[in-house]
Amino acid sequence: MTSNNVFCIGSDHLKSEIMIQKYSKLFVCCLALLLASTSLFAQENAMQAMGKANAKVAKASSRMNRWEGPTDGPKLQAKKRIVFIGGNMTDTVIADLYKGAKEAGAVGGWEVLLIDCRGACYQGAPVINQAIGMKPDGIILAGVDAASQAKGIAKAIEKKIPIVGWHTLTKPGPVDGLFTDIGNNPHESAQIAALYGVTEANSRTGMVIFTDNSTPYLAAKSAALVEIIKACENCRLLSVEEIPLTEALTRLQPTAEDLVKRLGSKWTHVIAVSDGYFDVMEKPSIAAVVAGLKLKGISAGDGSTTAYQRLHSNTLQIGTVPEPATMEGWQLIDEMNRAFSGVAPSGYVLPVHFVSGENVAYDGGPKNMFDPDNDYRNQYKKYWTQK
């Protein structure tokens, strides 16, 4: 932590004043698997559905070595002061996002200050008020539910301080109160993770889903995971366990003990909304509980350092849907600069990427992170530094 870091204080619970749009049920090709019977037509549907699932996973697993983001925009304004509010800086993805934002801001001489919520802002601590007190030109809200910050967002709007978010809503894009929100679409992240589980499925596969509905973003992932796995004929969905990530350290061990007692060797796979569950499952006390099962884990996000380490060592976790956090830090600065310049958001959303042991050697994998080989730094600088 640098000397200008500030920590979130307070625990007031704020009543949500932002309506989060309802998300539609996710209908995917795997639903055809439910129609499978002894008829040739139904068998063809099942085969076609599995083929499409494999194709989606293959596309998501391809190398990210071509720039598909914005190629023009306003020149980077100079000497701006930004407050970066991180939901929890012990999350390596959010930490890398912050580093990326600082690195990108330095191109224009921007000052990027940090407020670390340490998880408290999920309960609605009025952290934006604290950020406003630091007299910023703009605010980045990273991994904090926008609805919990409704009053602070309203105050920022009143003071004409733009806010750019990362994973603050159920889908990326602009919304009332925020100039834009960036990051993976949670529905698509869950879809790819679940489809990879579907392609792994056979008559002996037994899946347990770990979900977290504590924020709209995570709830969207959770719903999509359950929807797809339930629609898979070959997948035995043994249990859906609702365990908030903030409580995983205390609740996962008794949950694992209960699952092993009830399911035994029927339990073969874990599908989770976050890599964080596997961090906890690696704790010696829990690892000992599940040691005899040789579980395979698949996560719908977000490509943590420890997730990459597991993929390299082929232990417990076999796949994740990562976020290109450093690159997204650059995008946060680009979007903020667009807000300052009075132009529309770029609308850029990186296609969902899937990482397994087969492609972990590319796109930042050797550094235990998702850092696309698409020259994003120079791509942004091309128009930031134009005359």
Protein backbone atom coordinates (compact mmCIF):
# COMPACT_ATOMS: atom_id res chain seq x y z
CA MET A 1 0.00 0.00 0.00
CA THR A 2 1.25 3.48 -0.78
CA SER A 3 1.15 6.31 1.68
CA ASN A 4 -1.89 7.92 0.02
CA ASN A 5 -4.11 4.90 0.53
CA VAL A 6 -7.31 5.52 2.51
CA PHE A 7 -9.46 2.87 4.11
CA CYS A 8 -13.22 2.69 4.11
CA ILE A 9 -14.85 3.31 7.47
CA GLY A 10 -18.39 3.06 8.69
CA SER A 11 -20.99 0.30 8.51
CA ASP A 12 -24.27 2.10 7.78
CA HIS A 13 -26.65 0.04 5.72
CA LEU A 14 -28.16 2.13 2.94
CA LYS A 15 -31.47 1.37 1.37
CA SER A 16 -31.08 0.67 -2.36
CA GLU A 17 -32.37 3.46 -4.59
CA ILE A 18 -31.10 2.13 -7.91
CA MET A 19 -33.31 -0.34 -9.72
CA ILE A 20 -31.23 -3.22 -11.09
CA GLN A 21 -32.76 -4.39 -14.33
CA LYS A 22 -34.22 -7.86 -14.21
CA TYR A 23 -32.24 -10.30 -16.27
CA SER A 24 -33.92 -12.68 -18.64
CA LYS A 25 -33.73 -16.39 -18.19
CA LEU A 26 -30.75 -17.77 -19.99
CA PHE A 27 -31.81 -20.17 -22.74
CA VAL A 28 -28.85 -22.02 -24.25
CA CYS A 29 -28.44 -24.79 -26.74
CA CYS A 30 -27.97 -27.28 -23.93
CA LEU A 31 -31.69 -27.10 -23.23
CA ALA A 32 -32.14 -29.44 -26.16
CA LEU A 33 -30.54 -32.14 -24.04
CA LEU A 34 -33.72 -32.28 -21.99
CA LEU A 35 -35.57 -33.54 -25.07
CA ALA A 36 -33.35 -36.57 -25.52
CA SER A 37 -35.19 -39.88 -25.72
CA THR A 38 -34.91 -43.05 -27.74
CA SER A 39 -35.98 -41.36 -30.99
CA LEU A 40 -33.37 -40.60 -33.64
CA PHE A 41 -34.55 -36.98 -33.88
CA ALA A 42 -34.05 -36.38 -30.17
CA GLN A 43 -30.63 -38.04 -30.27
CA GLU A 44 -29.64 -35.69 -33.08
CA ASN A 45 -30.80 -32.72 -30.98
CA ALA A 46 -28.63 -33.88 -28.09
CA MET A 47 -25.63 -34.34 -30.36
CA GLN A 48 -26.13 -30.94 -31.97
CA ALA A 49 -26.44 -29.29 -28.56
CA MET A 50 -23.21 -30.88 -27.36
CA GLY A 51 -21.49 -29.83 -30.56
CA LYS A 52 -22.57 -26.24 -30.03
CA ALA A 53 -21.41 -26.36 -26.41
CA ASN A 54 -17.99 -27.58 -27.51
CA ALA A 55 -17.83 -24.86 -30.18
CA LYS A 56 -18.63 -22.10 -27.67
CA VAL A 57 -15.97 -23.35 -25.26
CA ALA A 58 -13.42 -23.66 -28.08
CA LYS A 59 -14.08 -20.08 -29.21
CA ALA A 60 -13.79 -18.75 -25.66
CA SER A 61 -10.51 -20.65 -25.25
CA SER A 62 -8.83 -19.13 -28.32
CA ARG A 63 -5.83 -16.84 -27.95
CA MET A 64 -6.50 -13.15 -27.35
CA ASN A 65 -3.67 -11.77 -29.45
CA ARG A 66 -5.63 -9.39 -31.68
CA TRP A 67 -6.85 -5.95 -30.61
CA GLU A 68 -10.62 -5.64 -30.98
CA GLY A 69 -11.14 -2.65 -28.72
CA PRO A 70 -11.58 1.04 -29.55
CA THR A 71 -9.25 2.58 -32.13
CA ASP A 72 -10.17 6.23 -31.65
CA GLY A 73 -11.17 8.54 -28.86
CA PRO A 74 -10.31 11.85 -27.22
CA LYS A 75 -6.78 12.88 -26.35
CA LEU A 76 -5.95 12.00 -22.74
CA GLN A 77 -6.54 15.02 -20.54
CA ALA A 78 -3.76 15.92 -18.14
CA LYS A 79 -3.39 16.11 -14.36
CA LYS A 80 -6.63 14.49 -13.20
CA ARG A 81 -7.26 13.25 -9.65
CA ILE A 82 -9.12 9.93 -9.43
CA VAL A 83 -10.27 7.98 -6.40
CA PHE A 84 -10.30 4.21 -6.95
CA ILE A 85 -12.71 2.44 -4.57
CA GLY A 86 -11.81 -1.26 -4.40
CA GLY A 87 -14.28 -3.72 -2.91
CA ASN A 88 -11.48 -5.76 -1.35
CA MET A 89 -7.84 -5.29 -2.26
CA THR A 90 -6.90 -8.76 -1.04
CA ASP A 91 -8.61 -9.92 -4.25
CA THR A 92 -5.67 -10.14 -6.67
CA VAL A 93 -7.92 -9.29 -9.63
CA ILE A 94 -9.06 -6.00 -8.08
CA ALA A 95 -5.47 -5.30 -7.03
CA ASP A 96 -4.30 -5.79 -10.63
CA LEU A 97 -7.15 -3.58 -11.84
CA TYR A 98 -5.89 -0.80 -9.58
CA LYS A 99 -2.31 -1.27 -10.78
CA GLY A 100 -3.52 -1.08 -14.38
CA ALA A 101 -5.45 2.12 -13.70
CA LYS A 102 -2.43 3.72 -12.02
CA GLU A 103 -0.17 2.65 -14.88
CA ALA A 104 -2.56 4.03 -17.50
CA GLY A 105 -3.24 7.25 -15.60
CA ALA A 106 0.49 7.94 -15.39
CA VAL A 107 0.47 8.51 -19.17
CA GLY A 108 -1.41 11.75 -18.53
CA GLY A 109 0.09 12.56 -15.15
CA TRP A 110 -3.07 11.45 -13.32
CA GLU A 111 -3.12 10.84 -9.57
CA VAL A 112 -5.01 7.64 -8.68
CA LEU A 113 -5.77 7.35 -4.95
CA LEU A 114 -7.04 4.20 -3.29
CA ILE A 115 -9.86 3.45 -0.86
CA ASP A 116 -9.91 -0.20 0.22
CA CYS A 117 -13.36 -1.26 1.41
CA ARG A 118 -12.01 -4.54 2.82
CA GLY A 119 -15.34 -6.12 1.96
CA ALA A 120 -17.37 -3.69 4.07
CA CYS A 121 -18.91 -1.81 1.16
CA TYR A 122 -21.00 -4.85 0.23
CA GLN A 123 -22.99 -3.93 3.32
CA GLY A 124 -23.56 -0.40 2.10
CA ALA A 125 -20.92 1.66 3.90
CA PRO A 126 -21.18 5.21 2.46
CA VAL A 127 -17.76 5.05 0.82
CA ILE A 128 -18.52 7.43 -2.06
CA ASN A 129 -19.05 10.24 0.44
CA GLN A 130 -15.54 9.55 1.68
CA ALA A 131 -14.22 9.66 -1.88
CA ILE A 132 -15.99 12.96 -2.58
CA GLY A 133 -14.27 14.41 0.47
CA MET A 134 -10.94 13.76 -1.28
CA LYS A 135 -11.97 16.28 -4.00
CA PRO A 136 -11.55 14.00 -7.03
CA ASP A 137 -12.20 14.79 -10.68
CA GLY A 138 -13.64 11.28 -11.04
CA ILE A 139 -14.38 8.10 -9.08
CA ILE A 140 -13.82 4.46 -10.02
CA LEU A 141 -16.09 1.96 -8.26
CA ALA A 142 -14.51 -1.50 -8.50
CA GLY A 143 -16.25 -4.62 -7.24
CA VAL A 144 -18.82 -2.69 -5.20
CA ASP A 145 -22.56 -3.06 -5.80
CA ALA A 146 -23.83 0.24 -7.22
CA ALA A 147 -27.21 -0.13 -5.48
CA SER A 148 -25.52 -0.11 -2.06
CA GLN A 149 -24.01 3.28 -2.91
CA ALA A 150 -27.17 4.98 -4.20
CA LYS A 151 -26.99 8.04 -1.97
CA GLY A 152 -23.30 8.58 -2.63
CA ILE A 153 -23.82 8.22 -6.38
CA ALA A 154 -26.59 10.81 -6.24
CA LYS A 155 -24.29 13.20 -4.40
CA ALA A 156 -21.52 12.65 -6.98
CA ILE A 157 -23.97 13.43 -9.78
CA GLU A 158 -24.97 16.62 -7.98
CA LYS A 159 -21.30 17.64 -7.84
CA LYS A 160 -20.74 16.60 -11.48
CA ILE A 161 -18.15 13.97 -10.56
CA PRO A 162 -18.30 11.11 -13.10
CA ILE A 163 -18.23 7.53 -11.84
CA VAL A 164 -16.97 4.59 -13.89
CA GLY A 165 -17.68 1.12 -12.53
CA TRP A 166 -16.25 -2.36 -12.73
CA HIS A 167 -18.63 -5.20 -11.83
CA THR A 168 -21.06 -2.86 -10.11
CA LEU A 169 -24.12 -3.94 -12.12
CA THR A 170 -25.60 -7.09 -13.66
CA LYS A 171 -24.22 -6.25 -17.09
CA PRO A 172 -21.65 -3.85 -18.57
CA GLY A 173 -22.64 -0.53 -20.13
CA PRO A 174 -23.96 2.90 -19.10
CA VAL A 175 -26.73 3.28 -16.55
CA ASP A 176 -28.28 6.16 -14.63
CA GLY A 177 -25.68 7.39 -12.16
CA LEU A 178 -22.67 5.72 -13.75
CA PHE A 179 -20.98 6.92 -16.93
CA THR A 180 -20.46 3.23 -17.74
CA ASP A 181 -19.71 -0.11 -16.12
CA ILE A 182 -17.08 -2.44 -17.57
CA GLY A 183 -16.05 -6.08 -17.12
CA ASN A 184 -17.26 -9.49 -18.16
CA ASN A 185 -20.98 -10.01 -18.67
CA PRO A 186 -21.89 -12.26 -15.70
CA HIS A 187 -24.41 -14.27 -17.74
CA GLU A 188 -21.80 -15.06 -20.38
CA SER A 189 -19.10 -15.86 -17.82
CA ALA A 190 -21.39 -18.36 -16.11
CA GLN A 191 -22.52 -19.77 -19.44
CA ILE A 192 -18.98 -20.62 -20.54
CA ALA A 193 -18.03 -22.12 -17.17
CA ALA A 194 -21.19 -24.23 -17.10
CA LEU A 195 -20.82 -25.31 -20.71
CA TYR A 196 -17.30 -26.51 -19.97
CA GLY A 197 -18.82 -28.57 -17.18
CA VAL A 198 -21.37 -29.90 -19.66
CA THR A 199 -18.62 -30.99 -22.05
CA GLU A 200 -16.96 -32.79 -19.13
CA ALA A 201 -20.17 -34.57 -18.18
CA ASN A 202 -20.77 -38.29 -18.47
CA SER A 203 -22.96 -40.81 -16.69
CA ARG A 204 -20.69 -40.72 -13.63
CA THR A 205 -20.40 -36.94 -13.31
CA GLY A 206 -21.90 -35.52 -10.13
CA MET A 207 -21.91 -31.73 -9.76
CA VAL A 208 -22.23 -29.42 -6.79
CA ILE A 209 -22.69 -25.71 -7.46
CA PHE A 210 -21.38 -23.07 -5.03
CA THR A 211 -23.32 -19.83 -5.47
CA ASP A 212 -23.46 -16.38 -3.94
CA ASN A 213 -26.54 -14.17 -4.29
CA SER A 214 -25.29 -11.36 -2.06
CA THR A 215 -24.94 -8.88 -4.96
CA PRO A 216 -26.87 -8.55 -8.23
CA TYR A 217 -23.70 -9.28 -10.22
CA LEU A 218 -22.98 -12.56 -8.42
CA ALA A 219 -26.68 -13.47 -8.37
CA ALA A 220 -26.74 -13.20 -12.17
CA LYS A 221 -23.83 -15.63 -12.38
CA SER A 222 -25.46 -17.99 -9.91
CA ALA A 223 -28.77 -18.12 -11.78
CA ALA A 224 -27.07 -18.84 -15.09
CA LEU A 225 -24.91 -21.64 -13.66
CA VAL A 226 -27.91 -23.39 -12.14
CA GLU A 227 -30.02 -22.89 -15.28
CA ILE A 228 -27.50 -24.51 -17.61
CA ILE A 229 -26.43 -27.40 -15.42
CA LYS A 230 -30.07 -28.29 -14.69
CA ALA A 231 -30.71 -28.40 -18.44
CA CYS A 232 -27.91 -30.91 -19.04
CA GLU A 233 -29.21 -34.49 -19.27
CA ASN A 234 -25.82 -36.06 -18.60
CA CYS A 235 -25.08 -33.82 -15.62
CA ARG A 236 -26.14 -35.07 -12.23
CA LEU A 237 -26.75 -31.90 -10.26
CA LEU A 238 -26.35 -33.19 -6.71
CA SER A 239 -26.65 -29.96 -4.75
CA VAL A 240 -26.71 -26.17 -4.98
CA GLU A 241 -24.99 -24.56 -1.99
CA GLU A 242 -25.58 -20.87 -1.29
CA ILE A 243 -22.43 -19.66 0.48
CA PRO A 244 -21.59 -15.94 0.32
CA LEU A 245 -17.93 -15.46 -0.52
CA THR A 246 -17.49 -13.33 2.58
CA GLU A 247 -18.55 -16.35 4.68
CA ALA A 248 -16.68 -19.07 2.77
CA LEU A 249 -13.88 -19.34 5.34
CA THR A 250 -16.29 -20.33 8.10
CA ARG A 251 -18.98 -22.18 6.14
CA LEU A 252 -17.15 -24.24 3.54
CA GLN A 253 -15.68 -26.83 5.88
CA PRO A 254 -18.96 -27.92 7.50
CA THR A 255 -20.61 -27.80 4.08
CA ALA A 256 -17.89 -30.01 2.58
CA GLU A 257 -18.15 -32.45 5.48
CA ASP A 258 -21.91 -32.70 4.97
CA LEU A 259 -21.58 -33.17 1.21
CA VAL A 260 -19.00 -35.92 1.58
CA LYS A 261 -21.19 -37.66 4.14
CA ARG A 262 -24.29 -37.44 1.93
CA LEU A 263 -22.79 -37.90 -1.52
CA GLY A 264 -19.49 -39.71 -1.13
CA SER A 265 -17.87 -40.65 -4.44
CA LYS A 266 -20.93 -39.48 -6.39
CA TRP A 267 -19.50 -35.98 -6.00
CA THR A 268 -16.97 -35.40 -8.82
CA HIS A 269 -17.19 -31.72 -9.86
CA VAL A 270 -17.55 -28.29 -8.26
CA ILE A 271 -18.92 -25.42 -10.36
CA ALA A 272 -18.54 -22.06 -8.60
CA VAL A 273 -19.24 -18.39 -9.24
CA SER A 274 -15.71 -17.42 -8.13
CA ASP A 275 -12.19 -18.77 -7.79
CA GLY A 276 -12.37 -17.76 -4.14
CA TYR A 277 -14.16 -20.98 -3.16
CA PHE A 278 -11.22 -23.04 -4.40
CA ASP A 279 -8.80 -20.89 -2.41
CA VAL A 280 -10.71 -21.93 0.70
CA MET A 281 -11.03 -25.56 -0.39
CA GLU A 282 -7.23 -25.74 -0.55
CA LYS A 283 -7.00 -25.04 3.18
CA PRO A 284 -5.52 -28.18 4.81
CA SER A 285 -8.56 -28.86 6.98
CA ILE A 286 -10.96 -28.86 4.01
CA ALA A 287 -8.51 -30.50 1.61
CA ALA A 288 -8.32 -33.43 4.03
CA VAL A 289 -12.12 -33.79 4.00
CA VAL A 290 -12.35 -34.09 0.20
CA ALA A 291 -8.95 -35.72 -0.41
CA GLY A 292 -10.32 -39.08 -1.53
CA LEU A 293 -12.70 -37.65 -4.13
CA LYS A 294 -10.27 -36.12 -6.66
CA LEU A 295 -12.69 -33.28 -7.32
CA LYS A 296 -12.53 -31.15 -10.46
CA GLY A 297 -13.33 -27.46 -10.07
CA ILE A 298 -14.60 -24.96 -12.63
CA SER A 299 -15.11 -21.28 -11.88
CA ALA A 300 -17.09 -18.52 -13.58
CA GLY A 301 -14.50 -15.92 -12.51
CA ASP A 302 -12.31 -14.06 -12.14
CA GLY A 303 -8.89 -15.55 -12.91
CA SER A 304 -7.05 -14.98 -9.62
CA THR A 305 -3.33 -15.63 -9.16
CA THR A 306 -4.09 -18.76 -7.15
CA ALA A 307 -6.51 -20.02 -9.82
CA TYR A 308 -3.74 -19.80 -12.41
CA GLN A 309 -1.37 -21.60 -10.06
CA ARG A 310 -3.87 -24.45 -9.72
CA LEU A 311 -4.25 -24.67 -13.49
CA HIS A 312 -0.47 -24.84 -13.92
CA SER A 313 -0.15 -27.58 -11.30
CA ASN A 314 -3.32 -29.41 -12.37
CA THR A 315 -4.68 -29.47 -8.82
CA LEU A 316 -8.36 -29.14 -7.92
CA GLN A 317 -9.27 -26.43 -10.45
CA ILE A 318 -9.45 -27.28 -14.16
CA GLY A 319 -10.86 -24.02 -15.55
CA THR A 320 -11.75 -20.39 -14.91
CA VAL A 321 -13.27 -17.42 -16.72
CA PRO A 322 -10.68 -14.72 -16.05
CA GLU A 323 -10.81 -10.94 -16.16
CA PRO A 324 -7.96 -9.09 -17.96
CA ALA A 325 -7.61 -6.87 -14.91
CA THR A 326 -4.57 -4.83 -15.92
CA MET A 327 -6.06 -4.18 -19.36
CA GLU A 328 -9.39 -3.26 -17.79
CA GLY A 329 -7.52 -0.77 -15.59
CA TRP A 330 -6.47 0.94 -18.82
CA GLN A 331 -10.06 0.80 -20.06
CA LEU A 332 -11.27 2.44 -16.83
CA ILE A 333 -8.96 5.37 -17.50
CA ASP A 334 -10.05 5.52 -21.14
CA GLU A 335 -13.74 5.59 -20.16
CA MET A 336 -13.10 8.21 -17.49
CA ASN A 337 -11.30 10.36 -20.03
CA ARG A 338 -14.29 10.05 -22.36
CA ALA A 339 -16.51 11.27 -19.51
CA PHE A 340 -14.23 14.28 -18.96
CA SER A 341 -14.24 14.99 -22.71
CA GLY A 342 -18.03 14.89 -23.06
CA VAL A 343 -18.13 11.93 -25.47
CA ALA A 344 -20.02 8.65 -25.22
CA PRO A 345 -18.57 5.49 -23.59
CA SER A 346 -16.57 3.25 -25.92
CA GLY A 347 -19.05 0.38 -25.51
CA TYR A 348 -16.16 -2.08 -25.54
CA VAL A 349 -16.71 -5.42 -23.81
CA LEU A 350 -13.94 -7.99 -24.12
CA PRO A 351 -15.30 -11.35 -25.31
CA VAL A 352 -15.51 -13.88 -22.51
CA HIS A 353 -12.34 -15.95 -22.26
CA PHE A 354 -11.90 -19.42 -20.75
CA VAL A 355 -8.62 -20.72 -19.38
CA SER A 356 -7.75 -24.34 -18.70
CA GLY A 357 -4.56 -26.38 -18.61
CA GLU A 358 -4.59 -26.42 -22.40
CA ASN A 359 -4.15 -22.67 -22.97
CA VAL A 360 -2.75 -21.42 -19.65
CA ALA A 361 0.66 -20.89 -21.27
CA TYR A 362 -0.62 -17.91 -23.27
CA ASP A 363 -2.04 -14.41 -22.70
CA GLY A 364 -0.31 -13.75 -19.40
CA GLY A 365 -0.60 -17.30 -18.07
CA PRO A 366 3.13 -17.57 -17.24
CA LYS A 367 2.61 -14.52 -14.97
CA ASN A 368 -0.41 -16.21 -13.32
CA MET A 369 -2.85 -13.67 -14.71
CA PHE A 370 -4.97 -12.98 -17.78
CA ASP A 371 -3.04 -10.29 -19.65
CA PRO A 372 -3.98 -10.48 -23.35
CA ASP A 373 -1.19 -10.44 -25.93
CA ASN A 374 -3.07 -7.79 -27.95
CA ASP A 375 -0.79 -4.76 -27.43
CA TYR A 376 -3.53 -2.90 -25.56
CA ARG A 377 -1.18 -0.35 -23.99
CA ASN A 378 0.05 0.96 -27.33
CA GLN A 379 -3.45 0.75 -28.80
CA TYR A 380 -4.77 3.18 -26.18
CA LYS A 381 -1.71 5.42 -26.38
CA LYS A 382 -2.17 5.81 -30.15
CA TYR A 383 -5.14 8.12 -29.73
CA TRP A 384 -4.49 9.32 -26.18
CA THR A 385 -1.34 11.09 -27.30
CA GLN A 386 -2.56 12.38 -30.66
CA LYS A 387 -1.85 16.04 -31.48
